[in-house]
Amino acid sequence: MSTHTPGPWFADPHGKVWRRPLHELYEYGGGTAGDKPLATVERGWYGEGLVGYPMEANARLIAAAPELLEALKVLVEAAEFSPLLCGFDALDRAHAAIAKAEEVKP
């Protein structure tokens, strides 16, 4: 099982994901010494209309990853007792998503 930087994570409007709340990062008018973003989402381009990727929304999704993983684990644990309530396909997909996040072969 792989480990990751513990959450919570925080996204800023510029596509960066941080391990500290934004008000802590910028409370003195600049980044906290030595702090680097956990991830940076690039604008990029796609399609014929050349519309940029939704950078801020993608950063928010990445920032939510630790909480999403933990919530999914809780749901899977509950569903293991009664897989018929959520369906076997949903349970299989949840196991696969957890394995992907933790780099474990499903």
Protein backbone atom coordinates (compact mmCIF):
# COMPACT_ATOMS: atom_id res chain seq x y z
CA MET A 1 0.00 0.00 0.00
CA SER A 2 1.31 3.41 -0.90
CA THR A 3 1.03 6.40 1.34
CA HIS A 4 0.14 9.94 0.44
CA THR A 5 0.41 13.30 2.11
CA PRO A 6 -2.36 13.31 4.71
CA GLY A 7 -5.33 15.55 4.06
CA PRO A 8 -6.97 17.86 4.20
CA TRP A 9 -5.67 19.52 1.04
CA PHE A 10 -6.67 22.97 -0.20
CA ALA A 11 -7.00 24.36 -3.74
CA ASP A 12 -6.32 27.94 -4.69
CA PRO A 13 -7.88 29.76 -7.67
CA HIS A 14 -4.63 29.41 -9.64
CA GLY A 15 -4.74 25.60 -9.93
CA LYS A 16 -2.37 24.81 -7.07
CA VAL A 17 -3.14 22.28 -4.33
CA TRP A 18 -1.63 22.93 -0.90
CA ARG A 19 -1.36 21.07 2.39
CA ARG A 20 -2.27 24.20 4.36
CA PRO A 21 -5.37 26.38 4.30
CA LEU A 22 -4.90 29.33 1.98
CA HIS A 23 -5.25 31.90 4.76
CA GLU A 24 -2.21 30.33 6.46
CA LEU A 25 -0.19 30.40 3.25
CA TYR A 26 -0.84 34.01 2.47
CA GLU A 27 -1.39 35.56 5.88
CA TYR A 28 1.85 37.54 5.66
CA GLY A 29 1.46 38.55 2.03
CA GLY A 30 3.38 35.62 0.54
CA GLY A 31 3.79 31.88 0.68
CA THR A 32 5.01 30.24 3.86
CA ALA A 33 8.76 29.68 3.66
CA GLY A 34 9.57 26.34 2.09
CA ASP A 35 6.00 25.47 1.19
CA LYS A 36 5.56 23.99 -2.26
CA PRO A 37 2.24 22.95 -3.79
CA LEU A 38 1.36 19.25 -3.67
CA ALA A 39 0.09 19.55 -7.24
CA THR A 40 -0.25 22.15 -9.93
CA VAL A 41 -2.97 21.91 -12.54
CA GLU A 42 -2.05 23.41 -15.89
CA ARG A 43 -4.56 25.20 -18.08
CA GLY A 44 -3.75 23.19 -21.23
CA TRP A 45 -5.91 23.20 -24.33
CA TYR A 46 -8.20 20.71 -25.98
CA GLY A 47 -10.73 20.45 -28.78
CA GLU A 48 -11.33 22.49 -31.87
CA GLY A 49 -12.49 25.56 -29.93
CA LEU A 50 -9.25 25.53 -27.90
CA VAL A 51 -10.97 25.98 -24.57
CA GLY A 52 -8.69 25.69 -21.55
CA TYR A 53 -9.14 22.86 -19.06
CA PRO A 54 -11.16 23.87 -16.00
CA MET A 55 -8.01 24.45 -13.93
CA GLU A 56 -9.62 25.62 -10.69
CA ALA A 57 -12.30 22.89 -10.73
CA ASN A 58 -9.67 20.21 -11.39
CA ALA A 59 -7.56 21.54 -8.51
CA ARG A 60 -10.60 21.40 -6.19
CA LEU A 61 -11.22 17.78 -7.20
CA ILE A 62 -7.60 16.87 -6.48
CA ALA A 63 -7.78 18.70 -3.14
CA ALA A 64 -10.87 16.67 -2.20
CA ALA A 65 -9.09 13.35 -2.94
CA PRO A 66 -8.08 12.43 0.64
CA GLU A 67 -11.61 13.01 1.96
CA LEU A 68 -13.16 11.21 -1.01
CA LEU A 69 -10.93 8.19 -0.47
CA GLU A 70 -11.76 8.00 3.23
CA ALA A 71 -15.50 8.41 2.58
CA LEU A 72 -15.40 5.68 -0.06
CA LYS A 73 -13.64 3.33 2.35
CA VAL A 74 -16.37 3.93 4.95
CA LEU A 75 -19.10 3.27 2.38
CA VAL A 76 -17.38 0.09 1.18
CA GLU A 77 -17.02 -1.16 4.73
CA ALA A 78 -20.76 -0.63 5.29
CA ALA A 79 -21.67 -2.15 1.92
CA GLU A 80 -19.64 -5.30 2.62
CA PHE A 81 -22.34 -6.29 5.12
CA SER A 82 -25.10 -5.96 2.53
CA PRO A 83 -23.79 -5.71 -1.05
CA LEU A 84 -27.29 -6.08 -2.45
CA LEU A 85 -28.17 -2.59 -1.20
CA CYS A 86 -25.61 -0.89 -3.41
CA GLY A 87 -25.14 -3.59 -6.04
CA PHE A 88 -22.14 -5.76 -6.75
CA ASP A 89 -21.05 -3.61 -9.70
CA ALA A 90 -20.91 -0.49 -7.54
CA LEU A 91 -18.97 -2.35 -4.87
CA ASP A 92 -16.50 -3.69 -7.46
CA ARG A 93 -16.03 -0.18 -8.88
CA ALA A 94 -15.46 1.21 -5.38
CA HIS A 95 -12.83 -1.44 -4.65
CA ALA A 96 -11.12 -0.66 -7.97
CA ALA A 97 -11.08 3.08 -7.23
CA ILE A 98 -9.56 2.50 -3.79
CA ALA A 99 -6.95 0.17 -5.29
CA LYS A 100 -6.09 2.78 -7.92
CA ALA A 101 -5.66 5.45 -5.26
CA GLU A 102 -3.50 3.19 -3.14
CA GLU A 103 -1.60 1.58 -6.06
CA VAL A 104 -2.80 -1.89 -5.12
CA LYS A 105 -3.74 -4.40 -7.81
CA PRO A 106 -7.52 -5.04 -7.55
